[in-house]
């Protein structure tokens, strides 16, 4: 006898394990992306160190403008 009622999944051990596995995979992928993001920021900062001091300020200002635009876009979503 099959149960096709979605509420049945609440008590279905296989369904619960699948959901937990999916959540764990999502979490793991987000952690990896977080570290990649931080690594890219570190790469930017290292590349900024290669600039002459007067140009480092220009790069910093441009980066801050980009961050400001990003934050503004996120607020409108």
PDB file of N, CA and C in Angstrom:
ATOM      1  N   UNK A   1       0.852  -1.177   0.000  1.00  0.00           N
ATOM      2  CA  UNK A   1       0.000   0.000   0.000  1.00  0.00           C
ATOM      3  C   UNK A   1       0.895   1.236   0.000  1.00  0.00           C
ATOM      4  N   UNK A   2       0.698   2.091  -0.962  1.00  0.00           N
ATOM      5  CA  UNK A   2       1.506   3.295  -1.047  1.00  0.00           C
ATOM      6  C   UNK A   2       0.775   4.496  -0.494  1.00  0.00           C
ATOM      7  N   UNK A   3       1.517   5.332   0.168  1.00  0.00           N
ATOM      8  CA  UNK A   3       0.949   6.561   0.692  1.00  0.00           C
ATOM      9  C   UNK A   3       1.473   7.714  -0.153  1.00  0.00           C
ATOM     10  N   UNK A   4       0.568   8.444  -0.761  1.00  0.00           N
ATOM     11  CA  UNK A   4       0.968   9.544  -1.632  1.00  0.00           C
ATOM     12  C   UNK A   4       0.675  10.896  -1.003  1.00  0.00           C
ATOM     13  N   UNK A   5       0.231  10.881   0.224  1.00  0.00           N
ATOM     14  CA  UNK A   5      -0.045  12.113   0.948  1.00  0.00           C
ATOM     15  C   UNK A   5       1.289  12.742   1.356  1.00  0.00           C
ATOM     16  N   UNK A   6       1.533  14.017   1.018  1.00  0.00           N
ATOM     17  CA  UNK A   6       2.811  14.655   1.361  1.00  0.00           C
ATOM     18  C   UNK A   6       3.109  14.639   2.853  1.00  0.00           C
ATOM     19  N   UNK A   7       2.092  14.624   3.661  1.00  0.00           N
ATOM     20  CA  UNK A   7       2.313  14.619   5.113  1.00  0.00           C
ATOM     21  C   UNK A   7       2.985  13.325   5.547  1.00  0.00           C
ATOM     22  N   UNK A   8       2.826  12.263   4.732  1.00  0.00           N
ATOM     23  CA  UNK A   8       3.443  10.988   5.061  1.00  0.00           C
ATOM     24  C   UNK A   8       4.959  11.123   5.129  1.00  0.00           C
ATOM     25  N   UNK A   9       5.546  12.003   4.323  1.00  0.00           N
ATOM     26  CA  UNK A   9       6.989  12.197   4.303  1.00  0.00           C
ATOM     27  C   UNK A   9       7.551  12.662   5.630  1.00  0.00           C
ATOM     28  N   UNK A  10       6.708  13.230   6.469  1.00  0.00           N
ATOM     29  CA  UNK A  10       7.161  13.696   7.777  1.00  0.00           C
ATOM     30  C   UNK A  10       7.663  12.519   8.607  1.00  0.00           C
ATOM     31  N   UNK A  11       7.040  11.373   8.455  1.00  0.00           N
ATOM     32  CA  UNK A  11       7.374  10.208   9.259  1.00  0.00           C
ATOM     33  C   UNK A  11       8.158   9.162   8.469  1.00  0.00           C
ATOM     34  N   UNK A  12       8.467   9.455   7.228  1.00  0.00           N
ATOM     35  CA  UNK A  12       9.176   8.521   6.368  1.00  0.00           C
ATOM     36  C   UNK A  12      10.674   8.691   6.593  1.00  0.00           C
ATOM     37  N   UNK A  13      11.306   7.675   7.177  1.00  0.00           N
ATOM     38  CA  UNK A  13      12.721   7.762   7.525  1.00  0.00           C
ATOM     39  C   UNK A  13      13.598   7.986   6.293  1.00  0.00           C
ATOM     40  N   UNK A  14      13.282   7.345   5.189  1.00  0.00           N
ATOM     41  CA  UNK A  14      14.060   7.520   3.964  1.00  0.00           C
ATOM     42  C   UNK A  14      13.965   8.966   3.483  1.00  0.00           C
ATOM     43  N   UNK A  15      12.752   9.520   3.531  1.00  0.00           N
ATOM     44  CA  UNK A  15      12.550  10.903   3.114  1.00  0.00           C
ATOM     45  C   UNK A  15      13.322  11.861   4.016  1.00  0.00           C
ATOM     46  N   UNK A  16      13.310  11.603   5.291  1.00  0.00           N
ATOM     47  CA  UNK A  16      14.026  12.454   6.252  1.00  0.00           C
ATOM     48  C   UNK A  16      15.519  12.408   5.976  1.00  0.00           C
ATOM     49  N   UNK A  17      16.052  11.212   5.732  1.00  0.00           N
ATOM     50  CA  UNK A  17      17.487  11.078   5.442  1.00  0.00           C
ATOM     51  C   UNK A  17      17.857  11.788   4.141  1.00  0.00           C
ATOM     52  N   UNK A  18      17.007  11.681   3.132  1.00  0.00           N
ATOM     53  CA  UNK A  18      17.268  12.370   1.863  1.00  0.00           C
ATOM     54  C   UNK A  18      17.290  13.878   2.059  1.00  0.00           C
ATOM     55  N   UNK A  19      16.347  14.394   2.835  1.00  0.00           N
ATOM     56  CA  UNK A  19      16.297  15.827   3.105  1.00  0.00           C
ATOM     57  C   UNK A  19      17.535  16.276   3.869  1.00  0.00           C
ATOM     58  N   UNK A  20      17.941  15.492   4.844  1.00  0.00           N
ATOM     59  CA  UNK A  20      19.138  15.831   5.621  1.00  0.00           C
ATOM     60  C   UNK A  20      20.378  15.824   4.726  1.00  0.00           C
ATOM     61  N   UNK A  21      20.449  14.849   3.830  1.00  0.00           N
ATOM     62  CA  UNK A  21      21.582  14.755   2.912  1.00  0.00           C
ATOM     63  C   UNK A  21      21.615  15.971   1.989  1.00  0.00           C
ATOM     64  N   UNK A  22      20.464  16.353   1.462  1.00  0.00           N
ATOM     65  CA  UNK A  22      20.385  17.527   0.584  1.00  0.00           C
ATOM     66  C   UNK A  22      20.790  18.789   1.332  1.00  0.00           C
ATOM     67  N   UNK A  23      20.320  18.928   2.563  1.00  0.00           N
ATOM     68  CA  UNK A  23      20.672  20.100   3.360  1.00  0.00           C
ATOM     69  C   UNK A  23      22.165  20.128   3.646  1.00  0.00           C
ATOM     70  N   UNK A  24      22.751  18.967   3.939  1.00  0.00           N
ATOM     71  CA  UNK A  24      24.180  18.894   4.224  1.00  0.00           C
ATOM     72  C   UNK A  24      24.986  19.231   2.973  1.00  0.00           C
ATOM     73  N   UNK A  25      24.558  18.738   1.812  1.00  0.00           N
ATOM     74  CA  UNK A  25      25.250  19.042   0.561  1.00  0.00           C
ATOM     75  C   UNK A  25      25.179  20.535   0.252  1.00  0.00           C
ATOM     76  N   UNK A  26      24.008  21.140   0.462  1.00  0.00           N
ATOM     77  CA  UNK A  26      23.857  22.579   0.241  1.00  0.00           C
ATOM     78  C   UNK A  26      24.791  23.347   1.182  1.00  0.00           C
ATOM     79  N   UNK A  27      24.798  22.963   2.454  1.00  0.00           N
ATOM     80  CA  UNK A  27      25.655  23.620   3.449  1.00  0.00           C
ATOM     81  C   UNK A  27      27.124  23.514   3.040  1.00  0.00           C
ATOM     82  N   UNK A  28      27.543  22.311   2.673  1.00  0.00           N
ATOM     83  CA  UNK A  28      28.942  22.104   2.281  1.00  0.00           C
ATOM     84  C   UNK A  28      29.315  22.944   1.066  1.00  0.00           C
ATOM     85  N   UNK A  29      28.427  23.009   0.068  1.00  0.00           N
ATOM     86  CA  UNK A  29      28.734  23.812  -1.127  1.00  0.00           C
ATOM     87  C   UNK A  29      28.825  25.292  -0.779  1.00  0.00           C
ATOM     88  N   UNK A  30      27.988  25.759   0.138  1.00  0.00           N
ATOM     89  CA  UNK A  30      28.032  27.170   0.530  1.00  0.00           C
ATOM     90  C   UNK A  30      29.301  27.482   1.317  1.00  0.00           C
ATOM     91  N   UNK A  31      29.753  26.565   2.142  1.00  0.00           N
ATOM     92  CA  UNK A  31      31.008  26.756   2.889  1.00  0.00           C
ATOM     93  C   UNK A  31      32.174  26.847   1.906  1.00  0.00           C
ATOM     94  N   UNK A  32      32.196  25.966   0.911  1.00  0.00           N
ATOM     95  CA  UNK A  32      33.258  25.999  -0.100  1.00  0.00           C
ATOM     96  C   UNK A  32      33.233  27.326  -0.845  1.00  0.00           C
ATOM     97  N   UNK A  33      32.048  27.791  -1.253  1.00  0.00           N
ATOM     98  CA  UNK A  33      31.937  29.068  -1.958  1.00  0.00           C
ATOM     99  C   UNK A  33      32.371  30.230  -1.079  1.00  0.00           C
ATOM    100  N   UNK A  34      32.109  30.140   0.217  1.00  0.00           N
ATOM    101  CA  UNK A  34      32.530  31.184   1.155  1.00  0.00           C
ATOM    102  C   UNK A  34      34.046  31.283   1.179  1.00  0.00           C
ATOM    103  N   UNK A  35      34.723  30.137   1.283  1.00  0.00           N
ATOM    104  CA  UNK A  35      36.180  30.144   1.293  1.00  0.00           C
ATOM    105  C   UNK A  35      36.743  30.647  -0.034  1.00  0.00           C
ATOM    106  N   UNK A  36      36.099  30.289  -1.150  1.00  0.00           N
ATOM    107  CA  UNK A  36      36.543  30.790  -2.458  1.00  0.00           C
ATOM    108  C   UNK A  36      36.417  32.304  -2.521  1.00  0.00           C
ATOM    109  N   UNK A  37      35.328  32.827  -1.981  1.00  0.00           N
ATOM    110  CA  UNK A  37      35.099  34.273  -1.968  1.00  0.00           C
ATOM    111  C   UNK A  37      36.188  34.980  -1.150  1.00  0.00           C
ATOM    112  N   UNK A  38      36.481  34.445   0.010  1.00  0.00           N
ATOM    113  CA  UNK A  38      37.512  35.037   0.860  1.00  0.00           C
ATOM    114  C   UNK A  38      38.874  34.974   0.173  1.00  0.00           C
ATOM    115  N   UNK A  39      39.141  33.857  -0.503  1.00  0.00           N
ATOM    116  CA  UNK A  39      40.415  33.708  -1.216  1.00  0.00           C
ATOM    117  C   UNK A  39      40.533  34.758  -2.324  1.00  0.00           C
ATOM    118  N   UNK A  40      39.450  35.024  -3.018  1.00  0.00           N
ATOM    119  CA  UNK A  40      39.475  36.037  -4.086  1.00  0.00           C
ATOM    120  C   UNK A  40      39.729  37.429  -3.514  1.00  0.00           C
ATOM    121  N   UNK A  41      39.148  37.701  -2.354  1.00  0.00           N
ATOM    122  CA  UNK A  41      39.406  38.989  -1.705  1.00  0.00           C
ATOM    123  C   UNK A  41      40.879  39.086  -1.306  1.00  0.00           C
ATOM    124  N   UNK A  42      41.408  37.999  -0.793  1.00  0.00           N
ATOM    125  CA  UNK A  42      42.821  37.981  -0.427  1.00  0.00           C
ATOM    126  C   UNK A  42      43.700  38.222  -1.658  1.00  0.00           C
ATOM    127  N   UNK A  43      43.328  37.622  -2.788  1.00  0.00           N
ATOM    128  CA  UNK A  43      44.066  37.844  -4.042  1.00  0.00           C
ATOM    129  C   UNK A  43      44.031  39.321  -4.436  1.00  0.00           C
ATOM    130  N   UNK A  44      42.846  39.959  -4.292  1.00  0.00           N
ATOM    131  CA  UNK A  44      42.742  41.384  -4.612  1.00  0.00           C
ATOM    132  C   UNK A  44      43.677  42.198  -3.723  1.00  0.00           C
ATOM    133  N   UNK A  45      43.660  41.905  -2.424  1.00  0.00           N
ATOM    134  CA  UNK A  45      44.492  42.679  -1.500  1.00  0.00           C
ATOM    135  C   UNK A  45      45.972  42.488  -1.810  1.00  0.00           C
ATOM    136  N   UNK A  46      46.363  41.276  -2.171  1.00  0.00           N
ATOM    137  CA  UNK A  46      47.761  41.035  -2.537  1.00  0.00           C
ATOM    138  C   UNK A  46      48.117  41.800  -3.804  1.00  0.00           C
ATOM    139  N   UNK A  47      47.201  41.829  -4.768  1.00  0.00           N
ATOM    140  CA  UNK A  47      47.485  42.562  -6.004  1.00  0.00           C
ATOM    141  C   UNK A  47      47.537  44.065  -5.737  1.00  0.00           C
ATOM    142  N   UNK A  48      46.766  44.552  -4.784  1.00  0.00           N
ATOM    143  CA  UNK A  48      46.812  45.976  -4.430  1.00  0.00           C
ATOM    144  C   UNK A  48      48.161  46.334  -3.826  1.00  0.00           C
ATOM    145  N   UNK A  49      48.782  45.376  -3.143  1.00  0.00           N
ATOM    146  CA  UNK A  49      50.105  45.626  -2.572  1.00  0.00           C
ATOM    147  C   UNK A  49      51.159  45.860  -3.657  1.00  0.00           C
ATOM    148  N   UNK A  50      50.888  45.381  -4.857  1.00  0.00           N
ATOM    149  CA  UNK A  50      51.837  45.542  -5.956  1.00  0.00           C
ATOM    150  C   UNK A  50      51.751  46.919  -6.605  1.00  0.00           C
ATOM    151  N   UNK A  51      50.715  47.673  -6.270  1.00  0.00           N
ATOM    152  CA  UNK A  51      50.551  49.016  -6.830  1.00  0.00           C
ATOM    153  C   UNK A  51      51.382  50.020  -6.056  1.00  0.00           C
ATOM    154  N   UNK A  52      51.772  51.076  -6.749  1.00  0.00           N
ATOM    155  CA  UNK A  52      52.434  52.191  -6.064  1.00  0.00           C
ATOM    156  C   UNK A  52      51.412  52.819  -5.119  1.00  0.00           C
ATOM    157  N   UNK A  53      51.859  53.353  -3.989  1.00  0.00           N
ATOM    158  CA  UNK A  53      50.926  53.870  -2.976  1.00  0.00           C
ATOM    159  C   UNK A  53      49.872  54.835  -3.517  1.00  0.00           C
ATOM    160  N   UNK A  54      50.254  55.734  -4.418  1.00  0.00           N
ATOM    161  CA  UNK A  54      49.280  56.699  -4.926  1.00  0.00           C
ATOM    162  C   UNK A  54      48.199  56.020  -5.769  1.00  0.00           C
ATOM    163  N   UNK A  55      48.514  54.884  -6.375  1.00  0.00           N
ATOM    164  CA  UNK A  55      47.530  54.155  -7.172  1.00  0.00           C
ATOM    165  C   UNK A  55      46.721  53.178  -6.313  1.00  0.00           C
ATOM    166  N   UNK A  56      47.275  52.794  -5.196  1.00  0.00           N
ATOM    167  CA  UNK A  56      46.569  51.911  -4.259  1.00  0.00           C
ATOM    168  C   UNK A  56      45.294  52.589  -3.772  1.00  0.00           C
ATOM    169  N   UNK A  57      45.377  53.885  -3.532  1.00  0.00           N
ATOM    170  CA  UNK A  57      44.195  54.629  -3.092  1.00  0.00           C
ATOM    171  C   UNK A  57      43.106  54.609  -4.165  1.00  0.00           C
ATOM    172  N   UNK A  58      43.495  54.735  -5.417  1.00  0.00           N
ATOM    173  CA  UNK A  58      42.527  54.703  -6.519  1.00  0.00           C
ATOM    174  C   UNK A  58      41.841  53.334  -6.554  1.00  0.00           C
ATOM    175  N   UNK A  59      42.620  52.274  -6.441  1.00  0.00           N
ATOM    176  CA  UNK A  59      42.061  50.921  -6.451  1.00  0.00           C
ATOM    177  C   UNK A  59      41.109  50.711  -5.266  1.00  0.00           C
ATOM    178  N   UNK A  60      41.485  51.244  -4.108  1.00  0.00           N
ATOM    179  CA  UNK A  60      40.636  51.106  -2.924  1.00  0.00           C
ATOM    180  C   UNK A  60      39.315  51.822  -3.117  1.00  0.00           C
ATOM    181  N   UNK A  61      39.366  53.049  -3.632  1.00  0.00           N
ATOM    182  CA  UNK A  61      38.145  53.820  -3.867  1.00  0.00           C
ATOM    183  C   UNK A  61      37.251  53.103  -4.877  1.00  0.00           C
ATOM    184  N   UNK A  62      37.838  52.614  -5.965  1.00  0.00           N
ATOM    185  CA  UNK A  62      37.052  51.900  -6.974  1.00  0.00           C
ATOM    186  C   UNK A  62      36.420  50.632  -6.386  1.00  0.00           C
ATOM    187  N   UNK A  63      37.148  49.941  -5.547  1.00  0.00           N
ATOM    188  CA  UNK A  63      36.626  48.741  -4.896  1.00  0.00           C
ATOM    189  C   UNK A  63      35.462  49.095  -3.974  1.00  0.00           C
ATOM    190  N   UNK A  64      35.600  50.165  -3.221  1.00  0.00           N
ATOM    191  CA  UNK A  64      34.529  50.590  -2.313  1.00  0.00           C
ATOM    192  C   UNK A  64      33.286  51.030  -3.084  1.00  0.00           C
ATOM    193  N   UNK A  65      33.474  51.674  -4.219  1.00  0.00           N
ATOM    194  CA  UNK A  65      32.336  52.053  -5.066  1.00  0.00           C
ATOM    195  C   UNK A  65      31.612  50.796  -5.542  1.00  0.00           C
ATOM    196  N   UNK A  66      32.379  49.817  -5.967  1.00  0.00           N
ATOM    197  CA  UNK A  66      31.798  48.549  -6.418  1.00  0.00           C
ATOM    198  C   UNK A  66      31.019  47.862  -5.292  1.00  0.00           C
ATOM    199  N   UNK A  67      31.582  47.853  -4.091  1.00  0.00           N
ATOM    200  CA  UNK A  67      30.894  47.256  -2.940  1.00  0.00           C
ATOM    201  C   UNK A  67      29.608  48.015  -2.637  1.00  0.00           C
ATOM    202  N   UNK A  68      29.658  49.345  -2.696  1.00  0.00           N
ATOM    203  CA  UNK A  68      28.468  50.159  -2.439  1.00  0.00           C
ATOM    204  C   UNK A  68      27.370  49.843  -3.453  1.00  0.00           C
ATOM    205  N   UNK A  69      27.738  49.738  -4.725  1.00  0.00           N
ATOM    206  CA  UNK A  69      26.751  49.409  -5.759  1.00  0.00           C
ATOM    207  C   UNK A  69      26.168  48.016  -5.529  1.00  0.00           C
ATOM    208  N   UNK A  70      27.004  47.085  -5.117  1.00  0.00           N
ATOM    209  CA  UNK A  70      26.545  45.723  -4.837  1.00  0.00           C
ATOM    210  C   UNK A  70      25.533  45.718  -3.694  1.00  0.00           C
ATOM    211  N   UNK A  71      25.855  46.426  -2.627  1.00  0.00           N
ATOM    212  CA  UNK A  71      24.950  46.486  -1.469  1.00  0.00           C
ATOM    213  C   UNK A  71      23.612  47.110  -1.860  1.00  0.00           C
ATOM    214  N   UNK A  72      23.649  48.173  -2.659  1.00  0.00           N
ATOM    215  CA  UNK A  72      22.420  48.818  -3.106  1.00  0.00           C
ATOM    216  C   UNK A  72      21.563  47.862  -3.935  1.00  0.00           C
ATOM    217  N   UNK A  73      22.201  47.076  -4.815  1.00  0.00           N
ATOM    218  CA  UNK A  73      21.457  46.090  -5.621  1.00  0.00           C
ATOM    219  C   UNK A  73      20.835  45.020  -4.722  1.00  0.00           C
ATOM    220  N   UNK A  74      21.544  44.608  -3.700  1.00  0.00           N
ATOM    221  CA  UNK A  74      21.030  43.571  -2.803  1.00  0.00           C
ATOM    222  C   UNK A  74      19.817  44.062  -2.029  1.00  0.00           C
ATOM    223  N   UNK A  75      19.797  45.336  -1.707  1.00  0.00           N
ATOM    224  CA  UNK A  75      18.653  45.909  -0.960  1.00  0.00           C
ATOM    225  C   UNK A  75      17.395  45.942  -1.808  1.00  0.00           C
ATOM    226  N   UNK A  76      17.541  46.062  -3.134  1.00  0.00           N
ATOM    227  CA  UNK A  76      16.370  46.155  -3.996  1.00  0.00           C
ATOM    228  C   UNK A  76      15.824  44.777  -4.387  1.00  0.00           C
ATOM    229  N   UNK A  77      16.527  43.739  -4.049  1.00  0.00           N
ATOM    230  CA  UNK A  77      16.061  42.383  -4.403  1.00  0.00           C
ATOM    231  C   UNK A  77      15.027  41.893  -3.429  1.00  0.00           C
TER     232      UNK A  77
END
